[in-house]
Amino acid sequence: MTERTGTGTATGDEAGIRPPLPPFTAHTAEQKVRAAEAAWNTRDPERVAAAYTEDSEWRNRDVFLTGRAAIVAFLREKWARELDYRLRKELWAYGDDRIAVRFEYEWHDDRGRWFRSYGNENWEFAANGLMARRYASINDVPISAADRRIAR
């Protein structure tokens, strides 16, 4: 069966159906946030990218991407630089097919310097529950290893 997503065509076999589906409630929006947090904490680019439409549009800081292949490449590079990455997301607001989150994550570079990154994301979903758009604004703050607060 083929579904119209608004940003292309997706089938259950090719792009998957990713419940919960829009329109969102407070409960289902929270489920989406928890699922995203769990996937990103695997640091598995293919697993993370599978939650996005084939033609998903991203803005991550000053980087603009389109499509799963670009997302996978971006995430591989990100997690090669941002070591021991751990993320926490919080539902901020939701609408029928949109969710806004605030987040923070901690990581260190290859020289052992620790950072906490803070940000906001705006998500828009296709009818099949895959994310069609992700816009992220992020700031990094240097921290000491002793100041870490996101446990493994």
C-alpha atoms as a PDB file:
ATOM      1  CA  MET A   1       0.000   0.000   0.000  1.00  0.00           C
ATOM      2  CA  THR A   2       1.301   3.472  -0.871  1.00  0.00           C
ATOM      3  CA  GLU A   3       0.737   6.524   1.305  1.00  0.00           C
ATOM      4  CA  ARG A   4       1.075  10.145   0.282  1.00  0.00           C
ATOM      5  CA  THR A   5       3.437  11.842   2.713  1.00  0.00           C
ATOM      6  CA  GLY A   6       3.311  15.372   1.408  1.00  0.00           C
ATOM      7  CA  THR A   7       7.028  15.227   0.590  1.00  0.00           C
ATOM      8  CA  GLY A   8       6.982  12.230  -1.706  1.00  0.00           C
ATOM      9  CA  THR A   9       5.594   8.737  -1.741  1.00  0.00           C
ATOM     10  CA  ALA A  10       6.359   6.144   0.895  1.00  0.00           C
ATOM     11  CA  THR A  11       5.399   2.506   1.215  1.00  0.00           C
ATOM     12  CA  GLY A  12       5.346   0.409   4.334  1.00  0.00           C
ATOM     13  CA  ASP A  13       8.051  -1.842   2.890  1.00  0.00           C
ATOM     14  CA  GLU A  14      10.392   0.858   1.534  1.00  0.00           C
ATOM     15  CA  ALA A  15      10.206   3.704   4.026  1.00  0.00           C
ATOM     16  CA  GLY A  16       8.421   1.960   6.861  1.00  0.00           C
ATOM     17  CA  ILE A  17       5.654   3.147   9.057  1.00  0.00           C
ATOM     18  CA  ARG A  18       6.947   4.677  12.248  1.00  0.00           C
ATOM     19  CA  PRO A  19       4.278   4.815  14.959  1.00  0.00           C
ATOM     20  CA  PRO A  20       3.041   6.773  16.674  1.00  0.00           C
ATOM     21  CA  LEU A  21       1.496   8.524  13.705  1.00  0.00           C
ATOM     22  CA  PRO A  22       0.226  12.085  13.450  1.00  0.00           C
ATOM     23  CA  PRO A  23      -1.948  13.729  14.592  1.00  0.00           C
ATOM     24  CA  PHE A  24      -0.100  13.734  17.914  1.00  0.00           C
ATOM     25  CA  THR A  25      -1.410  13.864  21.453  1.00  0.00           C
ATOM     26  CA  ALA A  26       0.708  14.756  24.478  1.00  0.00           C
ATOM     27  CA  HIS A  27       1.253  11.033  25.044  1.00  0.00           C
ATOM     28  CA  THR A  28       2.205  10.141  21.459  1.00  0.00           C
ATOM     29  CA  ALA A  29       4.420  13.220  21.079  1.00  0.00           C
ATOM     30  CA  GLU A  30       6.282  12.131  24.229  1.00  0.00           C
ATOM     31  CA  GLN A  31       6.646   8.636  22.729  1.00  0.00           C
ATOM     32  CA  LYS A  32       8.234  10.156  19.598  1.00  0.00           C
ATOM     33  CA  VAL A  33      10.681  12.138  21.729  1.00  0.00           C
ATOM     34  CA  ARG A  34      11.677   9.070  23.781  1.00  0.00           C
ATOM     35  CA  ALA A  35      12.151   6.980  20.619  1.00  0.00           C
ATOM     36  CA  ALA A  36      14.329   9.671  19.041  1.00  0.00           C
ATOM     37  CA  GLU A  37      16.426   9.989  22.198  1.00  0.00           C
ATOM     38  CA  ALA A  38      16.959   6.214  22.343  1.00  0.00           C
ATOM     39  CA  ALA A  39      17.919   6.000  18.662  1.00  0.00           C
ATOM     40  CA  TRP A  40      20.373   8.921  18.806  1.00  0.00           C
ATOM     41  CA  ASN A  41      22.035   7.441  21.898  1.00  0.00           C
ATOM     42  CA  THR A  42      22.914   4.310  19.906  1.00  0.00           C
ATOM     43  CA  ARG A  43      25.173   6.500  17.730  1.00  0.00           C
ATOM     44  CA  ASP A  44      24.139   4.271  14.811  1.00  0.00           C
ATOM     45  CA  PRO A  45      23.736   6.556  11.759  1.00  0.00           C
ATOM     46  CA  GLU A  46      21.666   4.043   9.777  1.00  0.00           C
ATOM     47  CA  ARG A  47      19.279   3.432  12.661  1.00  0.00           C
ATOM     48  CA  VAL A  48      18.804   7.152  13.239  1.00  0.00           C
ATOM     49  CA  ALA A  49      18.363   7.929   9.529  1.00  0.00           C
ATOM     50  CA  ALA A  50      15.695   5.209   9.172  1.00  0.00           C
ATOM     51  CA  ALA A  51      13.312   7.462  11.155  1.00  0.00           C
ATOM     52  CA  TYR A  52      13.414  10.117   8.400  1.00  0.00           C
ATOM     53  CA  THR A  53      11.751  10.235   4.987  1.00  0.00           C
ATOM     54  CA  GLU A  54      13.978   9.453   2.002  1.00  0.00           C
ATOM     55  CA  ASP A  55      13.916  13.146   1.088  1.00  0.00           C
ATOM     56  CA  SER A  56      13.988  14.569   4.603  1.00  0.00           C
ATOM     57  CA  GLU A  57      15.236  18.146   4.932  1.00  0.00           C
ATOM     58  CA  TRP A  58      17.596  19.088   7.742  1.00  0.00           C
ATOM     59  CA  ARG A  59      19.229  22.149   9.131  1.00  0.00           C
ATOM     60  CA  ASN A  60      21.768  21.282  11.799  1.00  0.00           C
ATOM     61  CA  ARG A  61      23.503  24.439  13.012  1.00  0.00           C
ATOM     62  CA  ASP A  62      24.832  25.899   9.755  1.00  0.00           C
ATOM     63  CA  VAL A  63      24.650  22.671   7.739  1.00  0.00           C
ATOM     64  CA  PHE A  64      21.753  22.038   5.340  1.00  0.00           C
ATOM     65  CA  LEU A  65      21.060  18.453   4.223  1.00  0.00           C
ATOM     66  CA  THR A  66      18.525  16.614   2.106  1.00  0.00           C
ATOM     67  CA  GLY A  67      17.946  12.863   2.128  1.00  0.00           C
ATOM     68  CA  ARG A  68      18.857   9.831   4.171  1.00  0.00           C
ATOM     69  CA  ALA A  69      22.246   9.259   2.535  1.00  0.00           C
ATOM     70  CA  ALA A  70      23.311  12.801   3.488  1.00  0.00           C
ATOM     71  CA  ILE A  71      21.981  12.264   7.020  1.00  0.00           C
ATOM     72  CA  VAL A  72      23.983   9.051   7.429  1.00  0.00           C
ATOM     73  CA  ALA A  73      27.179  10.711   6.158  1.00  0.00           C
ATOM     74  CA  PHE A  74      26.635  13.705   8.447  1.00  0.00           C
ATOM     75  CA  LEU A  75      26.044  11.516  11.516  1.00  0.00           C
ATOM     76  CA  ARG A  76      29.126   9.368  10.801  1.00  0.00           C
ATOM     77  CA  GLU A  77      31.274  12.506  10.746  1.00  0.00           C
ATOM     78  CA  LYS A  78      29.527  13.949  13.816  1.00  0.00           C
ATOM     79  CA  TRP A  79      30.107  10.882  15.980  1.00  0.00           C
ATOM     80  CA  ALA A  80      33.692  10.533  14.784  1.00  0.00           C
ATOM     81  CA  ARG A  81      34.271  14.018  16.319  1.00  0.00           C
ATOM     82  CA  GLU A  82      31.817  13.957  19.230  1.00  0.00           C
ATOM     83  CA  LEU A  83      33.042  11.007  21.286  1.00  0.00           C
ATOM     84  CA  ASP A  84      31.084   9.293  24.096  1.00  0.00           C
ATOM     85  CA  TYR A  85      28.001  11.265  23.016  1.00  0.00           C
ATOM     86  CA  ARG A  86      25.012  11.075  25.411  1.00  0.00           C
ATOM     87  CA  LEU A  87      21.749  12.903  24.742  1.00  0.00           C
ATOM     88  CA  ARG A  88      18.617  13.924  26.652  1.00  0.00           C
ATOM     89  CA  LYS A  89      15.536  15.351  24.899  1.00  0.00           C
ATOM     90  CA  GLU A  90      12.497  17.071  26.390  1.00  0.00           C
ATOM     91  CA  LEU A  91       9.152  17.612  24.695  1.00  0.00           C
ATOM     92  CA  TRP A  92       8.535  21.348  24.455  1.00  0.00           C
ATOM     93  CA  ALA A  93       5.396  21.611  22.291  1.00  0.00           C
ATOM     94  CA  TYR A  94       3.429  19.647  19.715  1.00  0.00           C
ATOM     95  CA  GLY A  95       0.759  20.054  17.055  1.00  0.00           C
ATOM     96  CA  ASP A  96      -0.990  17.741  14.632  1.00  0.00           C
ATOM     97  CA  ASP A  97       2.138  16.764  12.675  1.00  0.00           C
ATOM     98  CA  ARG A  98       4.834  18.804  14.442  1.00  0.00           C
ATOM     99  CA  ILE A  99       6.893  18.475  17.583  1.00  0.00           C
ATOM    100  CA  ALA A 100       9.336  20.913  19.200  1.00  0.00           C
ATOM    101  CA  VAL A 101      11.981  19.655  21.614  1.00  0.00           C
ATOM    102  CA  ARG A 102      14.759  21.113  23.717  1.00  0.00           C
ATOM    103  CA  PHE A 103      17.803  18.978  24.277  1.00  0.00           C
ATOM    104  CA  GLU A 104      21.247  18.772  25.734  1.00  0.00           C
ATOM    105  CA  TYR A 105      24.030  16.335  25.075  1.00  0.00           C
ATOM    106  CA  GLU A 106      27.529  15.797  26.361  1.00  0.00           C
ATOM    107  CA  TRP A 107      30.576  14.640  24.461  1.00  0.00           C
ATOM    108  CA  HIS A 108      34.328  15.017  24.309  1.00  0.00           C
ATOM    109  CA  ASP A 109      36.755  15.608  21.489  1.00  0.00           C
ATOM    110  CA  ASP A 110      39.825  13.541  20.646  1.00  0.00           C
ATOM    111  CA  ARG A 111      41.895  15.696  23.036  1.00  0.00           C
ATOM    112  CA  GLY A 112      39.663  14.807  25.998  1.00  0.00           C
ATOM    113  CA  ARG A 113      37.940  18.199  26.253  1.00  0.00           C
ATOM    114  CA  TRP A 114      34.314  17.870  27.371  1.00  0.00           C
ATOM    115  CA  PHE A 115      31.351  19.867  26.079  1.00  0.00           C
ATOM    116  CA  ARG A 116      27.652  20.175  26.762  1.00  0.00           C
ATOM    117  CA  SER A 117      25.611  21.134  23.722  1.00  0.00           C
ATOM    118  CA  TYR A 118      22.218  22.789  24.178  1.00  0.00           C
ATOM    119  CA  GLY A 119      19.594  23.214  21.522  1.00  0.00           C
ATOM    120  CA  ASN A 120      16.113  23.239  20.128  1.00  0.00           C
ATOM    121  CA  GLU A 121      14.664  21.186  17.309  1.00  0.00           C
ATOM    122  CA  ASN A 122      11.529  21.624  15.241  1.00  0.00           C
ATOM    123  CA  TRP A 123      10.220  18.433  13.658  1.00  0.00           C
ATOM    124  CA  GLU A 124       7.585  17.927  10.960  1.00  0.00           C
ATOM    125  CA  PHE A 125       6.262  14.432  10.249  1.00  0.00           C
ATOM    126  CA  ALA A 126       4.825  12.706   7.198  1.00  0.00           C
ATOM    127  CA  ALA A 127       1.573  10.756   7.538  1.00  0.00           C
ATOM    128  CA  ASN A 128       3.524   7.483   7.952  1.00  0.00           C
ATOM    129  CA  GLY A 129       5.270   8.796  11.088  1.00  0.00           C
ATOM    130  CA  LEU A 130       8.658   9.406   9.454  1.00  0.00           C
ATOM    131  CA  MET A 131      10.229  12.811  10.019  1.00  0.00           C
ATOM    132  CA  ALA A 132      10.142  14.941   6.865  1.00  0.00           C
ATOM    133  CA  ARG A 133      11.878  18.015   8.304  1.00  0.00           C
ATOM    134  CA  ARG A 134      14.277  18.619  11.198  1.00  0.00           C
ATOM    135  CA  TYR A 135      15.594  22.074  12.032  1.00  0.00           C
ATOM    136  CA  ALA A 136      18.133  22.244  14.874  1.00  0.00           C
ATOM    137  CA  SER A 137      19.791  25.208  16.558  1.00  0.00           C
ATOM    138  CA  ILE A 138      22.687  24.198  18.837  1.00  0.00           C
ATOM    139  CA  ASN A 139      25.266  25.893  21.085  1.00  0.00           C
ATOM    140  CA  ASP A 140      28.292  24.253  22.724  1.00  0.00           C
ATOM    141  CA  VAL A 141      29.624  25.029  26.194  1.00  0.00           C
ATOM    142  CA  PRO A 142      32.973  23.686  27.440  1.00  0.00           C
ATOM    143  CA  ILE A 143      32.638  21.737  30.713  1.00  0.00           C
ATOM    144  CA  SER A 144      34.990  19.754  32.919  1.00  0.00           C
ATOM    145  CA  ALA A 145      34.626  15.979  33.123  1.00  0.00           C
ATOM    146  CA  ALA A 146      33.526  16.492  36.748  1.00  0.00           C
ATOM    147  CA  ASP A 147      30.641  18.698  35.582  1.00  0.00           C
ATOM    148  CA  ARG A 148      29.056  15.980  33.444  1.00  0.00           C
ATOM    149  CA  ARG A 149      25.460  15.270  34.402  1.00  0.00           C
ATOM    150  CA  ILE A 150      24.221  12.905  31.708  1.00  0.00           C
ATOM    151  CA  ALA A 151      25.032   9.410  32.973  1.00  0.00           C
ATOM    152  CA  ARG A 152      25.887   6.522  30.715  1.00  0.00           C
END
